[in-house]
Amino acid sequence: MRVLVVEDTPELARQLKQRLEGEGYAVDAAADGEEGRFLGETEPYDAVILDLGLPKIDGLTVLRSWRRAGMSTPVLILTARDAWNEKVQGIDAGADDYLAKPFSMEELLARIRALIRRAKGHASAEIACGGVVLDTRTGRVTVDGLPVELTAFEYRVLSYLMHRKGQVVSRTELTEHVYAQDFDRDSNTIEVFVGRLRRKLGVDIIKTVRGLGYRADEP
């Protein structure tokens, strides 16, 4: 899963990026509204964390621009604690959720997980497929109740496929959602990760759809 963080306070942006990456997300960061708007319009994200008080272009203007352009990615806005009017304006502009500063990092992570689950059509924090269970709260993967150890990139690939369970995902789409913008992307490595996942999981839930990509489905 890939997340965009648009935050102009350097230390908070660093903390958010570091923690999200530690939770298994690919993360891009923008320090102003101009860069944030451009990234949101040109790169595919699974969720966006958007501060409203941004230089160059304010967060509300960025959000309205995205929604006018048809961008449906879930957006969590960050507001000042007592600025209830910002919260109302943000929701009216198309935000899916909001969090007041200062906030608990655990609460932010929980809200991001929930936004992504709902956007992909999942109500539960656990996503199951053919004996494989992925717990989005802990990043834990089990097969028939037994834990499976995955690398960060293996987890990202499996997580994206299971969030899109039953749908065909192209190699290009997978590449775009497991790597951050500044990473040296190579779509051929997706085949390597898929091969490793099949061996580690030991169950045939990742199907190859010839000429199209992959689909997570019941064996």
Protein backbone atom coordinates (compact mmCIF):
# COMPACT_ATOMS: atom_id res chain seq x y z
CA MET A 1 0.00 0.00 0.00
CA ARG A 2 1.24 3.47 -0.91
CA VAL A 3 0.56 6.65 1.08
CA LEU A 4 1.18 10.34 0.34
CA VAL A 5 2.01 12.62 3.27
CA VAL A 6 1.58 16.36 2.62
CA GLU A 7 2.95 18.14 5.70
CA ASP A 8 5.17 21.24 5.92
CA THR A 9 6.52 20.71 9.45
CA PRO A 10 9.79 18.82 8.81
CA GLU A 11 9.92 16.87 12.06
CA LEU A 12 6.29 15.74 11.90
CA ALA A 13 6.68 14.79 8.24
CA ARG A 14 9.77 12.75 9.12
CA GLN A 15 7.98 11.00 11.99
CA LEU A 16 4.96 10.18 9.83
CA LYS A 17 7.09 8.83 6.99
CA GLN A 18 9.27 6.76 9.31
CA ARG A 19 6.34 5.26 11.21
CA LEU A 20 4.27 4.50 8.11
CA GLU A 21 7.25 2.80 6.46
CA GLY A 22 7.75 0.80 9.65
CA GLU A 23 4.14 -0.37 9.31
CA GLY A 24 4.77 -1.65 5.78
CA TYR A 25 3.63 1.27 3.63
CA ALA A 26 5.45 2.81 0.68
CA VAL A 27 5.50 6.55 1.47
CA ASP A 28 5.99 9.74 -0.55
CA ALA A 29 6.18 13.12 1.16
CA ALA A 30 5.51 16.68 -0.01
CA ALA A 31 6.36 19.81 2.00
CA ASP A 32 3.93 22.23 0.31
CA GLY A 33 0.56 22.27 -1.37
CA GLU A 34 1.93 22.75 -4.86
CA GLU A 35 4.05 19.61 -4.77
CA GLY A 36 1.34 17.69 -2.92
CA ARG A 37 -1.30 18.58 -5.50
CA PHE A 38 1.01 17.50 -8.34
CA LEU A 39 1.85 14.14 -6.73
CA GLY A 40 -1.81 13.44 -5.96
CA GLU A 41 -2.76 14.14 -9.57
CA THR A 42 0.05 12.12 -11.17
CA GLU A 43 0.81 9.19 -8.84
CA PRO A 44 -1.53 6.38 -7.62
CA TYR A 45 -2.00 6.31 -3.84
CA ASP A 46 -4.10 4.18 -1.52
CA ALA A 47 -4.48 7.01 1.02
CA VAL A 48 -3.37 10.60 1.59
CA ILE A 49 -2.55 12.44 4.82
CA LEU A 50 -3.08 16.14 4.13
CA ASP A 51 -2.28 19.07 6.41
CA LEU A 52 -4.54 22.06 5.79
CA GLY A 53 -2.05 24.81 6.74
CA LEU A 54 0.37 24.42 3.83
CA PRO A 55 2.61 26.96 2.06
CA LYS A 56 2.14 27.90 -1.63
CA ILE A 57 -1.32 26.28 -1.86
CA ASP A 58 -3.45 25.59 1.22
CA GLY A 59 -4.73 22.08 1.91
CA LEU A 60 -8.41 22.85 1.27
CA THR A 61 -7.59 24.20 -2.20
CA VAL A 62 -5.50 21.11 -2.92
CA LEU A 63 -8.30 18.80 -1.78
CA ARG A 64 -10.95 20.61 -3.83
CA SER A 65 -8.69 20.43 -6.89
CA TRP A 66 -8.24 16.67 -6.47
CA ARG A 67 -11.94 16.03 -6.10
CA ARG A 68 -12.83 18.21 -9.09
CA ALA A 69 -10.37 16.15 -11.11
CA GLY A 70 -12.16 12.97 -10.05
CA MET A 71 -9.52 11.67 -7.64
CA SER A 72 -11.30 9.25 -5.26
CA THR A 73 -8.34 8.28 -3.05
CA PRO A 74 -9.31 8.47 0.65
CA VAL A 75 -7.92 11.59 2.34
CA LEU A 76 -7.29 12.13 6.06
CA ILE A 77 -6.90 15.83 6.87
CA LEU A 78 -4.87 17.20 9.78
CA THR A 79 -6.34 20.26 11.50
CA ALA A 80 -5.67 22.50 14.49
CA ARG A 81 -7.35 21.12 17.63
CA ASP A 82 -9.93 23.89 18.07
CA ALA A 83 -10.51 24.73 14.41
CA TRP A 84 -13.96 23.11 14.08
CA ASN A 85 -14.63 25.24 10.99
CA GLU A 86 -11.59 23.68 9.26
CA LYS A 87 -12.97 20.22 9.98
CA VAL A 88 -16.36 21.10 8.51
CA GLN A 89 -14.81 22.72 5.45
CA GLY A 90 -12.49 19.75 4.97
CA ILE A 91 -15.31 17.22 5.08
CA ASP A 92 -17.41 19.35 2.72
CA ALA A 93 -14.44 19.62 0.35
CA GLY A 94 -14.21 15.84 0.09
CA ALA A 95 -12.11 14.62 3.02
CA ASP A 96 -12.94 11.14 4.33
CA ASP A 97 -11.73 11.70 7.89
CA TYR A 98 -9.89 14.23 10.04
CA LEU A 99 -7.49 14.26 12.97
CA ALA A 100 -6.72 17.21 15.23
CA LYS A 101 -3.14 18.11 16.16
CA PRO A 102 -1.50 17.02 18.37
CA PHE A 103 -2.56 13.44 17.77
CA SER A 104 -1.62 9.92 18.74
CA MET A 105 0.36 8.13 16.04
CA GLU A 106 -1.53 4.93 16.87
CA GLU A 107 -4.85 6.64 16.19
CA LEU A 108 -3.60 8.00 12.88
CA LEU A 109 -2.44 4.54 11.80
CA ALA A 110 -5.77 3.01 12.79
CA ARG A 111 -7.67 5.64 10.79
CA ILE A 112 -5.48 5.10 7.72
CA ARG A 113 -5.98 1.33 7.91
CA ALA A 114 -9.75 1.84 8.16
CA LEU A 115 -9.83 4.28 5.22
CA ILE A 116 -7.91 1.87 2.99
CA ARG A 117 -10.05 -1.12 4.03
CA ARG A 118 -13.28 0.70 3.31
CA ALA A 119 -11.99 2.01 -0.01
CA LYS A 120 -11.15 -1.56 -1.05
CA GLY A 121 -14.47 -2.93 0.21
CA HIS A 122 -13.38 -4.68 3.43
CA ALA A 123 -15.18 -4.19 6.73
CA SER A 124 -12.90 -6.27 8.96
CA ALA A 125 -9.29 -5.61 9.99
CA GLU A 126 -8.52 -9.20 9.00
CA ILE A 127 -8.60 -10.20 5.34
CA ALA A 128 -8.83 -13.94 4.66
CA CYS A 129 -8.27 -15.92 1.48
CA GLY A 130 -7.88 -19.69 1.22
CA GLY A 131 -6.53 -20.24 4.72
CA VAL A 132 -4.27 -17.16 4.53
CA VAL A 133 -5.19 -14.41 6.99
CA LEU A 134 -3.63 -10.94 6.84
CA ASP A 135 -4.16 -8.83 9.95
CA THR A 136 -3.95 -5.18 8.86
CA ARG A 137 -3.60 -4.01 12.48
CA THR A 138 -0.44 -5.96 13.24
CA GLY A 139 0.95 -6.80 9.81
CA ARG A 140 0.81 -10.45 10.83
CA VAL A 141 0.22 -13.14 8.19
CA THR A 142 -0.86 -16.67 9.06
CA VAL A 143 -1.66 -19.79 7.05
CA ASP A 144 -4.10 -22.13 8.79
CA GLY A 145 -3.27 -20.34 12.03
CA LEU A 146 0.52 -20.66 11.71
CA PRO A 147 2.59 -17.46 11.33
CA VAL A 148 4.52 -16.79 8.12
CA GLU A 149 7.55 -14.49 8.09
CA LEU A 150 7.60 -12.09 5.14
CA THR A 151 9.97 -9.34 4.07
CA ALA A 152 8.63 -5.78 3.84
CA PHE A 153 8.20 -5.96 0.06
CA GLU A 154 6.66 -9.43 0.14
CA TYR A 155 4.14 -8.12 2.67
CA ARG A 156 3.31 -5.10 0.50
CA VAL A 157 2.66 -7.30 -2.53
CA LEU A 158 0.49 -9.74 -0.57
CA SER A 159 -1.37 -6.95 1.21
CA TYR A 160 -2.25 -5.17 -2.03
CA LEU A 161 -3.40 -8.37 -3.73
CA MET A 162 -5.51 -9.42 -0.73
CA HIS A 163 -7.08 -5.96 -0.41
CA ARG A 164 -8.06 -6.40 -4.07
CA LYS A 165 -9.11 -10.04 -3.59
CA GLY A 166 -10.90 -11.49 -6.60
CA GLN A 167 -9.71 -8.70 -8.90
CA VAL A 168 -6.97 -8.88 -11.51
CA VAL A 169 -4.03 -6.60 -10.69
CA SER A 170 -1.47 -5.86 -13.40
CA ARG A 171 2.25 -6.03 -12.74
CA THR A 172 2.46 -2.29 -13.44
CA GLU A 173 -0.24 -1.52 -10.87
CA LEU A 174 1.49 -3.65 -8.27
CA THR A 175 4.78 -1.89 -8.96
CA GLU A 176 3.14 1.51 -8.53
CA HIS A 177 1.60 0.57 -5.19
CA VAL A 178 4.53 -1.19 -3.46
CA TYR A 179 7.31 1.28 -4.29
CA ALA A 180 7.65 4.94 -3.29
CA GLN A 181 8.35 7.54 -5.96
CA ASP A 182 12.09 7.78 -5.29
CA PHE A 183 12.66 4.02 -5.36
CA ASP A 184 14.38 2.42 -8.34
CA ARG A 185 11.35 0.51 -9.61
CA ASP A 186 11.72 -2.68 -11.57
CA SER A 187 8.48 -4.44 -12.47
CA ASN A 188 10.39 -7.68 -13.10
CA THR A 189 11.06 -8.02 -9.36
CA ILE A 190 7.31 -8.39 -8.82
CA GLU A 191 7.58 -11.87 -10.32
CA VAL A 192 10.33 -12.66 -7.82
CA PHE A 193 8.19 -11.50 -4.88
CA VAL A 194 5.19 -13.47 -6.13
CA GLY A 195 7.33 -16.60 -6.47
CA ARG A 196 8.64 -16.20 -2.93
CA LEU A 197 5.15 -15.63 -1.57
CA ARG A 198 3.85 -18.79 -3.22
CA ARG A 199 6.64 -20.83 -1.66
CA LYS A 200 6.24 -19.30 1.80
CA LEU A 201 2.45 -19.49 1.90
CA GLY A 202 2.30 -23.02 0.53
CA VAL A 203 -1.24 -22.51 -0.76
CA ASP A 204 -2.29 -21.52 -4.25
CA ILE A 205 -4.08 -18.22 -3.61
CA ILE A 206 -2.03 -16.05 -6.01
CA LYS A 207 -3.20 -16.84 -9.52
CA THR A 208 -1.41 -15.74 -12.68
CA VAL A 209 -3.85 -14.36 -15.22
CA ARG A 210 -1.97 -14.77 -18.47
CA GLY A 211 -1.26 -11.46 -20.20
CA LEU A 212 -3.03 -9.45 -17.49
CA GLY A 213 -1.37 -9.89 -14.10
CA TYR A 214 -2.24 -11.57 -10.80
CA ARG A 215 -5.34 -12.25 -8.71
CA ALA A 216 -5.63 -13.30 -5.07
CA ASP A 217 -8.43 -15.87 -4.88
CA GLU A 218 -9.49 -19.07 -3.19
CA PRO A 219 -7.34 -22.10 -4.22
